[in-house]
PDB file of N, CA and C in Angstrom:
ATOM      1  N   MET A   1      24.140  68.148 -62.831  1.00  0.00           N
ATOM      2  CA  MET A   1      23.246  68.546 -63.901  1.00  0.00           C
ATOM      3  C   MET A   1      22.579  69.865 -63.507  1.00  0.00           C
ATOM      4  N   PRO A   2      22.562  70.823 -64.387  1.00  0.00           N
ATOM      5  CA  PRO A   2      22.028  72.133 -64.026  1.00  0.00           C
ATOM      6  C   PRO A   2      20.497  72.200 -63.964  1.00  0.00           C
ATOM      7  N   ILE A   3      19.791  71.192 -64.463  1.00  0.00           N
ATOM      8  CA  ILE A   3      18.334  71.176 -64.375  1.00  0.00           C
ATOM      9  C   ILE A   3      17.936  70.407 -63.113  1.00  0.00           C
ATOM     10  N   ARG A   4      17.136  71.065 -62.268  1.00  0.00           N
ATOM     11  CA  ARG A   4      16.655  70.422 -61.044  1.00  0.00           C
ATOM     12  C   ARG A   4      15.152  70.207 -61.139  1.00  0.00           C
ATOM     13  N   VAL A   5      14.686  69.103 -60.601  1.00  0.00           N
ATOM     14  CA  VAL A   5      13.265  68.760 -60.605  1.00  0.00           C
ATOM     15  C   VAL A   5      12.712  69.005 -59.206  1.00  0.00           C
ATOM     16  N   ASN A   6      11.736  69.902 -59.124  1.00  0.00           N
ATOM     17  CA  ASN A   6      11.129  70.258 -57.838  1.00  0.00           C
ATOM     18  C   ASN A   6       9.719  69.678 -57.713  1.00  0.00           C
ATOM     19  N   LEU A   7       9.522  68.513 -58.250  1.00  0.00           N
ATOM     20  CA  LEU A   7       8.201  67.906 -58.263  1.00  0.00           C
ATOM     21  C   LEU A   7       7.693  67.624 -56.851  1.00  0.00           C
ATOM     22  N   ASP A   8       8.561  67.225 -55.950  1.00  0.00           N
ATOM     23  CA  ASP A   8       8.140  66.955 -54.575  1.00  0.00           C
ATOM     24  C   ASP A   8       7.570  68.197 -53.901  1.00  0.00           C
ATOM     25  N   VAL A   9       8.133  69.350 -54.219  1.00  0.00           N
ATOM     26  CA  VAL A   9       7.634  70.611 -53.656  1.00  0.00           C
ATOM     27  C   VAL A   9       6.201  70.855 -54.106  1.00  0.00           C
ATOM     28  N   MET A  10       5.947  70.676 -55.411  1.00  0.00           N
ATOM     29  CA  MET A  10       4.594  70.900 -55.935  1.00  0.00           C
ATOM     30  C   MET A  10       3.617  69.867 -55.393  1.00  0.00           C
ATOM     31  N   LEU A  11       4.051  68.638 -55.254  1.00  0.00           N
ATOM     32  CA  LEU A  11       3.182  67.610 -54.675  1.00  0.00           C
ATOM     33  C   LEU A  11       2.797  67.993 -53.244  1.00  0.00           C
ATOM     34  N   ALA A  12       3.740  68.475 -52.474  1.00  0.00           N
ATOM     35  CA  ALA A  12       3.459  68.882 -51.094  1.00  0.00           C
ATOM     36  C   ALA A  12       2.501  70.067 -51.055  1.00  0.00           C
ATOM     37  N   ARG A  13       2.718  71.028 -51.940  1.00  0.00           N
ATOM     38  CA  ARG A  13       1.833  72.203 -51.980  1.00  0.00           C
ATOM     39  C   ARG A  13       0.397  71.819 -52.330  1.00  0.00           C
ATOM     40  N   ARG A  14       0.253  70.809 -53.160  1.00  0.00           N
ATOM     41  CA  ARG A  14      -1.080  70.371 -53.587  1.00  0.00           C
ATOM     42  C   ARG A  14      -1.640  69.265 -52.687  1.00  0.00           C
ATOM     43  N   LYS A  15      -0.848  68.902 -51.680  1.00  0.00           N
ATOM     44  CA  LYS A  15      -1.245  67.831 -50.746  1.00  0.00           C
ATOM     45  C   LYS A  15      -1.632  66.559 -51.503  1.00  0.00           C
ATOM     46  N   MET A  16      -0.755  66.184 -52.417  1.00  0.00           N
ATOM     47  CA  MET A  16      -0.989  65.016 -53.253  1.00  0.00           C
ATOM     48  C   MET A  16       0.182  64.056 -53.121  1.00  0.00           C
ATOM     49  N   ARG A  17      -0.106  62.789 -53.152  1.00  0.00           N
ATOM     50  CA  ARG A  17       0.948  61.775 -53.125  1.00  0.00           C
ATOM     51  C   ARG A  17       1.399  61.474 -54.546  1.00  0.00           C
ATOM     52  N   ALA A  18       2.644  61.068 -54.675  1.00  0.00           N
ATOM     53  CA  ALA A  18       3.203  60.721 -55.985  1.00  0.00           C
ATOM     54  C   ALA A  18       2.401  59.602 -56.636  1.00  0.00           C
ATOM     55  N   LYS A  19       1.937  58.672 -55.827  1.00  0.00           N
ATOM     56  CA  LYS A  19       1.155  57.550 -56.340  1.00  0.00           C
ATOM     57  C   LYS A  19      -0.124  58.047 -57.026  1.00  0.00           C
ATOM     58  N   GLN A  20      -0.767  59.054 -56.431  1.00  0.00           N
ATOM     59  CA  GLN A  20      -1.978  59.622 -57.023  1.00  0.00           C
ATOM     60  C   GLN A  20      -1.665  60.309 -58.343  1.00  0.00           C
ATOM     61  N   LEU A  21      -0.584  61.078 -58.362  1.00  0.00           N
ATOM     62  CA  LEU A  21      -0.197  61.772 -59.589  1.00  0.00           C
ATOM     63  C   LEU A  21       0.122  60.772 -60.688  1.00  0.00           C
ATOM     64  N   ALA A  22       0.876  59.749 -60.368  1.00  0.00           N
ATOM     65  CA  ALA A  22       1.244  58.736 -61.365  1.00  0.00           C
ATOM     66  C   ALA A  22      -0.001  58.109 -61.974  1.00  0.00           C
ATOM     67  N   ALA A  23      -0.985  57.791 -61.149  1.00  0.00           N
ATOM     68  CA  ALA A  23      -2.216  57.175 -61.644  1.00  0.00           C
ATOM     69  C   ALA A  23      -2.986  58.130 -62.552  1.00  0.00           C
ATOM     70  N   GLN A  24      -3.032  59.402 -62.185  1.00  0.00           N
ATOM     71  CA  GLN A  24      -3.802  60.374 -62.964  1.00  0.00           C
ATOM     72  C   GLN A  24      -3.167  60.696 -64.317  1.00  0.00           C
ATOM     73  N   ILE A  25      -1.847  60.625 -64.406  1.00  0.00           N
ATOM     74  CA  ILE A  25      -1.191  60.969 -65.677  1.00  0.00           C
ATOM     75  C   ILE A  25      -0.799  59.742 -66.488  1.00  0.00           C
ATOM     76  N   GLY A  26      -1.060  58.548 -65.952  1.00  0.00           N
ATOM     77  CA  GLY A  26      -0.763  57.335 -66.695  1.00  0.00           C
ATOM     78  C   GLY A  26       0.711  56.985 -66.751  1.00  0.00           C
ATOM     79  N   LEU A  27       1.419  57.264 -65.687  1.00  0.00           N
ATOM     80  CA  LEU A  27       2.842  56.966 -65.591  1.00  0.00           C
ATOM     81  C   LEU A  27       3.032  55.970 -64.457  1.00  0.00           C
ATOM     82  N   SER A  28       3.986  55.072 -64.597  1.00  0.00           N
ATOM     83  CA  SER A  28       4.224  54.117 -63.513  1.00  0.00           C
ATOM     84  C   SER A  28       4.845  54.859 -62.331  1.00  0.00           C
ATOM     85  N   GLU A  29       4.637  54.317 -61.151  1.00  0.00           N
ATOM     86  CA  GLU A  29       5.228  54.916 -59.952  1.00  0.00           C
ATOM     87  C   GLU A  29       6.753  54.918 -60.040  1.00  0.00           C
ATOM     88  N   THR A  30       7.299  53.892 -60.666  1.00  0.00           N
ATOM     89  CA  THR A  30       8.751  53.804 -60.832  1.00  0.00           C
ATOM     90  C   THR A  30       9.263  54.930 -61.723  1.00  0.00           C
ATOM     91  N   GLN A  31       8.585  55.162 -62.837  1.00  0.00           N
ATOM     92  CA  GLN A  31       9.002  56.231 -63.739  1.00  0.00           C
ATOM     93  C   GLN A  31       8.899  57.591 -63.071  1.00  0.00           C
ATOM     94  N   LEU A  32       7.808  57.813 -62.337  1.00  0.00           N
ATOM     95  CA  LEU A  32       7.641  59.081 -61.643  1.00  0.00           C
ATOM     96  C   LEU A  32       8.709  59.248 -60.570  1.00  0.00           C
ATOM     97  N   SER A  33       9.035  58.185 -59.871  1.00  0.00           N
ATOM     98  CA  SER A  33      10.076  58.230 -58.851  1.00  0.00           C
ATOM     99  C   SER A  33      11.425  58.593 -59.471  1.00  0.00           C
ATOM    100  N   MET A  34      11.716  58.031 -60.624  1.00  0.00           N
ATOM    101  CA  MET A  34      12.975  58.351 -61.301  1.00  0.00           C
ATOM    102  C   MET A  34      13.023  59.822 -61.708  1.00  0.00           C
ATOM    103  N   LEU A  35      11.890  60.368 -62.120  1.00  0.00           N
ATOM    104  CA  LEU A  35      11.825  61.789 -62.464  1.00  0.00           C
ATOM    105  C   LEU A  35      12.032  62.636 -61.202  1.00  0.00           C
ATOM    106  N   ARG A  36      11.359  62.269 -60.134  1.00  0.00           N
ATOM    107  CA  ARG A  36      11.454  63.029 -58.882  1.00  0.00           C
ATOM    108  C   ARG A  36      12.875  63.044 -58.332  1.00  0.00           C
ATOM    109  N   THR A  37      13.622  61.972 -58.537  1.00  0.00           N
ATOM    110  CA  THR A  37      14.988  61.876 -58.008  1.00  0.00           C
ATOM    111  C   THR A  37      16.043  62.243 -59.044  1.00  0.00           C
ATOM    112  N   GLU A  38      15.592  62.817 -60.154  1.00  0.00           N
ATOM    113  CA  GLU A  38      16.474  63.316 -61.219  1.00  0.00           C
ATOM    114  C   GLU A  38      17.355  62.234 -61.820  1.00  0.00           C
ATOM    115  N   LYS A  39      16.810  61.029 -61.948  1.00  0.00           N
ATOM    116  CA  LYS A  39      17.560  59.923 -62.537  1.00  0.00           C
ATOM    117  C   LYS A  39      17.185  59.702 -64.001  1.00  0.00           C
ATOM    118  N   VAL A  40      16.533  60.680 -64.608  1.00  0.00           N
ATOM    119  CA  VAL A  40      16.170  60.587 -66.024  1.00  0.00           C
ATOM    120  C   VAL A  40      16.954  61.647 -66.790  1.00  0.00           C
ATOM    121  N   ARG A  41      17.118  61.422 -68.070  1.00  0.00           N
ATOM    122  CA  ARG A  41      17.853  62.375 -68.892  1.00  0.00           C
ATOM    123  C   ARG A  41      16.917  63.328 -69.628  1.00  0.00           C
ATOM    124  N   GLY A  42      15.623  63.056 -69.568  1.00  0.00           N
ATOM    125  CA  GLY A  42      14.674  63.923 -70.246  1.00  0.00           C
ATOM    126  C   GLY A  42      13.251  63.598 -69.848  1.00  0.00           C
ATOM    127  N   ILE A  43      12.335  64.434 -70.319  1.00  0.00           N
ATOM    128  CA  ILE A  43      10.924  64.232 -70.061  1.00  0.00           C
ATOM    129  C   ILE A  43      10.171  64.644 -71.322  1.00  0.00           C
ATOM    130  N   ARG A  44       9.174  63.885 -71.673  1.00  0.00           N
ATOM    131  CA  ARG A  44       8.364  64.209 -72.842  1.00  0.00           C
ATOM    132  C   ARG A  44       7.475  65.397 -72.511  1.00  0.00           C
ATOM    133  N   PHE A  45       7.269  66.270 -73.494  1.00  0.00           N
ATOM    134  CA  PHE A  45       6.436  67.439 -73.272  1.00  0.00           C
ATOM    135  C   PHE A  45       5.004  67.051 -72.911  1.00  0.00           C
ATOM    136  N   ASP A  46       4.495  65.972 -73.481  1.00  0.00           N
ATOM    137  CA  ASP A  46       3.122  65.585 -73.145  1.00  0.00           C
ATOM    138  C   ASP A  46       3.026  65.117 -71.693  1.00  0.00           C
ATOM    139  N   THR A  47       4.068  64.469 -71.189  1.00  0.00           N
ATOM    140  CA  THR A  47       4.087  64.071 -69.780  1.00  0.00           C
ATOM    141  C   THR A  47       4.168  65.297 -68.889  1.00  0.00           C
ATOM    142  N   LEU A  48       5.007  66.250 -69.250  1.00  0.00           N
ATOM    143  CA  LEU A  48       5.132  67.490 -68.493  1.00  0.00           C
ATOM    144  C   LEU A  48       3.803  68.251 -68.489  1.00  0.00           C
ATOM    145  N   ALA A  49       3.125  68.274 -69.630  1.00  0.00           N
ATOM    146  CA  ALA A  49       1.830  68.952 -69.725  1.00  0.00           C
ATOM    147  C   ALA A  49       0.803  68.298 -68.807  1.00  0.00           C
ATOM    148  N   LYS A  50       0.786  66.979 -68.760  1.00  0.00           N
ATOM    149  CA  LYS A  50      -0.156  66.271 -67.882  1.00  0.00           C
ATOM    150  C   LYS A  50       0.130  66.579 -66.415  1.00  0.00           C
ATOM    151  N   ILE A  51       1.399  66.586 -66.050  1.00  0.00           N
ATOM    152  CA  ILE A  51       1.777  66.897 -64.673  1.00  0.00           C
ATOM    153  C   ILE A  51       1.306  68.308 -64.318  1.00  0.00           C
ATOM    154  N   CYS A  52       1.547  69.250 -65.217  1.00  0.00           N
ATOM    155  CA  CYS A  52       1.149  70.628 -64.967  1.00  0.00           C
ATOM    156  C   CYS A  52      -0.366  70.766 -64.872  1.00  0.00           C
ATOM    157  N   LEU A  53      -1.095  70.036 -65.697  1.00  0.00           N
ATOM    158  CA  LEU A  53      -2.558  70.087 -65.657  1.00  0.00           C
ATOM    159  C   LEU A  53      -3.074  69.578 -64.313  1.00  0.00           C
ATOM    160  N   VAL A  54      -2.588  68.425 -63.890  1.00  0.00           N
ATOM    161  CA  VAL A  54      -3.063  67.821 -62.645  1.00  0.00           C
ATOM    162  C   VAL A  54      -2.659  68.666 -61.434  1.00  0.00           C
ATOM    163  N   LEU A  55      -1.440  69.209 -61.450  1.00  0.00           N
ATOM    164  CA  LEU A  55      -0.964  69.988 -60.307  1.00  0.00           C
ATOM    165  C   LEU A  55      -1.312  71.470 -60.403  1.00  0.00           C
ATOM    166  N   ASP A  56      -1.961  71.860 -61.507  1.00  0.00           N
ATOM    167  CA  ASP A  56      -2.345  73.255 -61.730  1.00  0.00           C
ATOM    168  C   ASP A  56      -1.140  74.179 -61.543  1.00  0.00           C
ATOM    169  N   CYS A  57      -0.121  73.918 -62.363  1.00  0.00           N
ATOM    170  CA  CYS A  57       1.097  74.710 -62.270  1.00  0.00           C
ATOM    171  C   CYS A  57       1.705  74.885 -63.656  1.00  0.00           C
ATOM    172  N   LYS A  58       2.832  75.540 -63.718  1.00  0.00           N
ATOM    173  CA  LYS A  58       3.575  75.742 -64.957  1.00  0.00           C
ATOM    174  C   LYS A  58       4.871  74.937 -64.894  1.00  0.00           C
ATOM    175  N   PRO A  59       5.468  74.631 -66.054  1.00  0.00           N
ATOM    176  CA  PRO A  59       6.728  73.868 -66.039  1.00  0.00           C
ATOM    177  C   PRO A  59       7.798  74.493 -65.145  1.00  0.00           C
ATOM    178  N   ALA A  60       7.831  75.822 -65.082  1.00  0.00           N
ATOM    179  CA  ALA A  60       8.836  76.494 -64.246  1.00  0.00           C
ATOM    180  C   ALA A  60       8.630  76.233 -62.760  1.00  0.00           C
ATOM    181  N   ASP A  61       7.433  75.800 -62.377  1.00  0.00           N
ATOM    182  CA  ASP A  61       7.184  75.453 -60.979  1.00  0.00           C
ATOM    183  C   ASP A  61       7.788  74.092 -60.634  1.00  0.00           C
ATOM    184  N   ILE A  62       8.053  73.298 -61.658  1.00  0.00           N
ATOM    185  CA  ILE A  62       8.552  71.938 -61.472  1.00  0.00           C
ATOM    186  C   ILE A  62      10.037  71.831 -61.800  1.00  0.00           C
ATOM    187  N   LEU A  63      10.462  72.561 -62.827  1.00  0.00           N
ATOM    188  CA  LEU A  63      11.849  72.491 -63.290  1.00  0.00           C
ATOM    189  C   LEU A  63      12.573  73.790 -62.969  1.00  0.00           C
ATOM    190  N   ASP A  64      13.813  73.666 -62.542  1.00  0.00           N
ATOM    191  CA  ASP A  64      14.638  74.827 -62.243  1.00  0.00           C
ATOM    192  C   ASP A  64      15.980  74.650 -62.942  1.00  0.00           C
ATOM    193  N   TYR A  65      16.627  75.749 -63.245  1.00  0.00           N
ATOM    194  CA  TYR A  65      17.897  75.701 -63.963  1.00  0.00           C
ATOM    195  C   TYR A  65      18.967  76.438 -63.179  1.00  0.00           C
ATOM    196  N   ASP A  66      20.074  75.762 -62.934  1.00  0.00           N
ATOM    197  CA  ASP A  66      21.250  76.376 -62.330  1.00  0.00           C
ATOM    198  C   ASP A  66      22.218  76.718 -63.445  1.00  0.00           C
ATOM    199  N   ILE A  67      22.564  77.974 -63.564  1.00  0.00           N
ATOM    200  CA  ILE A  67      23.449  78.417 -64.642  1.00  0.00           C
ATOM    201  C   ILE A  67      24.798  77.719 -64.540  1.00  0.00           C
ATOM    202  N   ASP A  68      25.220  77.156 -65.666  1.00  0.00           N
ATOM    203  CA  ASP A  68      26.501  76.464 -65.746  1.00  0.00           C
ATOM    204  C   ASP A  68      27.103  76.738 -67.125  1.00  0.00           C
ATOM    205  N   PRO A  69      28.099  77.619 -67.217  1.00  0.00           N
ATOM    206  CA  PRO A  69      28.712  77.948 -68.506  1.00  0.00           C
ATOM    207  C   PRO A  69      29.279  76.720 -69.223  1.00  0.00           C
ATOM    208  N   ALA A  70      29.581  75.680 -68.499  1.00  0.00           N
ATOM    209  CA  ALA A  70      30.108  74.452 -69.116  1.00  0.00           C
ATOM    210  C   ALA A  70      29.092  73.803 -70.049  1.00  0.00           C
ATOM    211  N   ASP A  71      27.804  74.125 -69.886  1.00  0.00           N
ATOM    212  CA  ASP A  71      26.781  73.566 -70.758  1.00  0.00           C
ATOM    213  C   ASP A  71      27.037  73.912 -72.220  1.00  0.00           C
ATOM    214  N   LEU A  72      27.582  75.070 -72.484  1.00  0.00           N
ATOM    215  CA  LEU A  72      27.870  75.467 -73.872  1.00  0.00           C
ATOM    216  C   LEU A  72      28.934  74.565 -74.488  1.00  0.00           C
ATOM    217  N   HIS A  73      29.901  74.181 -73.707  1.00  0.00           N
ATOM    218  CA  HIS A  73      30.969  73.325 -74.213  1.00  0.00           C
ATOM    219  C   HIS A  73      30.478  71.912 -74.459  1.00  0.00           C
ATOM    220  N   ILE A  74      29.583  71.446 -73.630  1.00  0.00           N
ATOM    221  CA  ILE A  74      29.010  70.112 -73.822  1.00  0.00           C
ATOM    222  C   ILE A  74      28.216  70.083 -75.114  1.00  0.00           C
ATOM    223  N   ALA A  75      27.438  71.129 -75.386  1.00  0.00           N
ATOM    224  CA  ALA A  75      26.619  71.182 -76.601  1.00  0.00           C
ATOM    225  C   ALA A  75      27.498  71.219 -77.834  1.00  0.00           C
ATOM    226  N   ASP A  76      28.648  71.853 -77.763  1.00  0.00           N
ATOM    227  CA  ASP A  76      29.549  71.935 -78.922  1.00  0.00           C
ATOM    228  C   ASP A  76      30.137  70.587 -79.286  1.00  0.00           C
ATOM    229  N   GLU A  77      30.278  69.692 -78.318  1.00  0.00           N
ATOM    230  CA  GLU A  77      30.880  68.396 -78.563  1.00  0.00           C
ATOM    231  C   GLU A  77      29.948  67.432 -79.262  1.00  0.00           C
ATOM    232  N   ASP A  78      28.619  67.647 -79.180  1.00  0.00           N
ATOM    233  CA  ASP A  78      27.652  66.739 -79.780  1.00  0.00           C
ATOM    234  C   ASP A  78      27.610  66.823 -81.259  1.00  0.00           C
TER     235      ASP A  78
END
């Protein structure tokens, strides 16, 4: 998947545990863990906004994109 989640990096920079972040944004530790390990297919914008607010960052600090021309072909099939 060309989208990478760098949430662990931001947590380390802010010296915060995932458990603390989950509690502050109202997400279960399991759901946050699945996001951190890229086992989800999407994220709600309101959840992303809460994460950014608590970690004082921007979405680009958490999400990264690896260019993959095959993405265009996948979108055409839908």
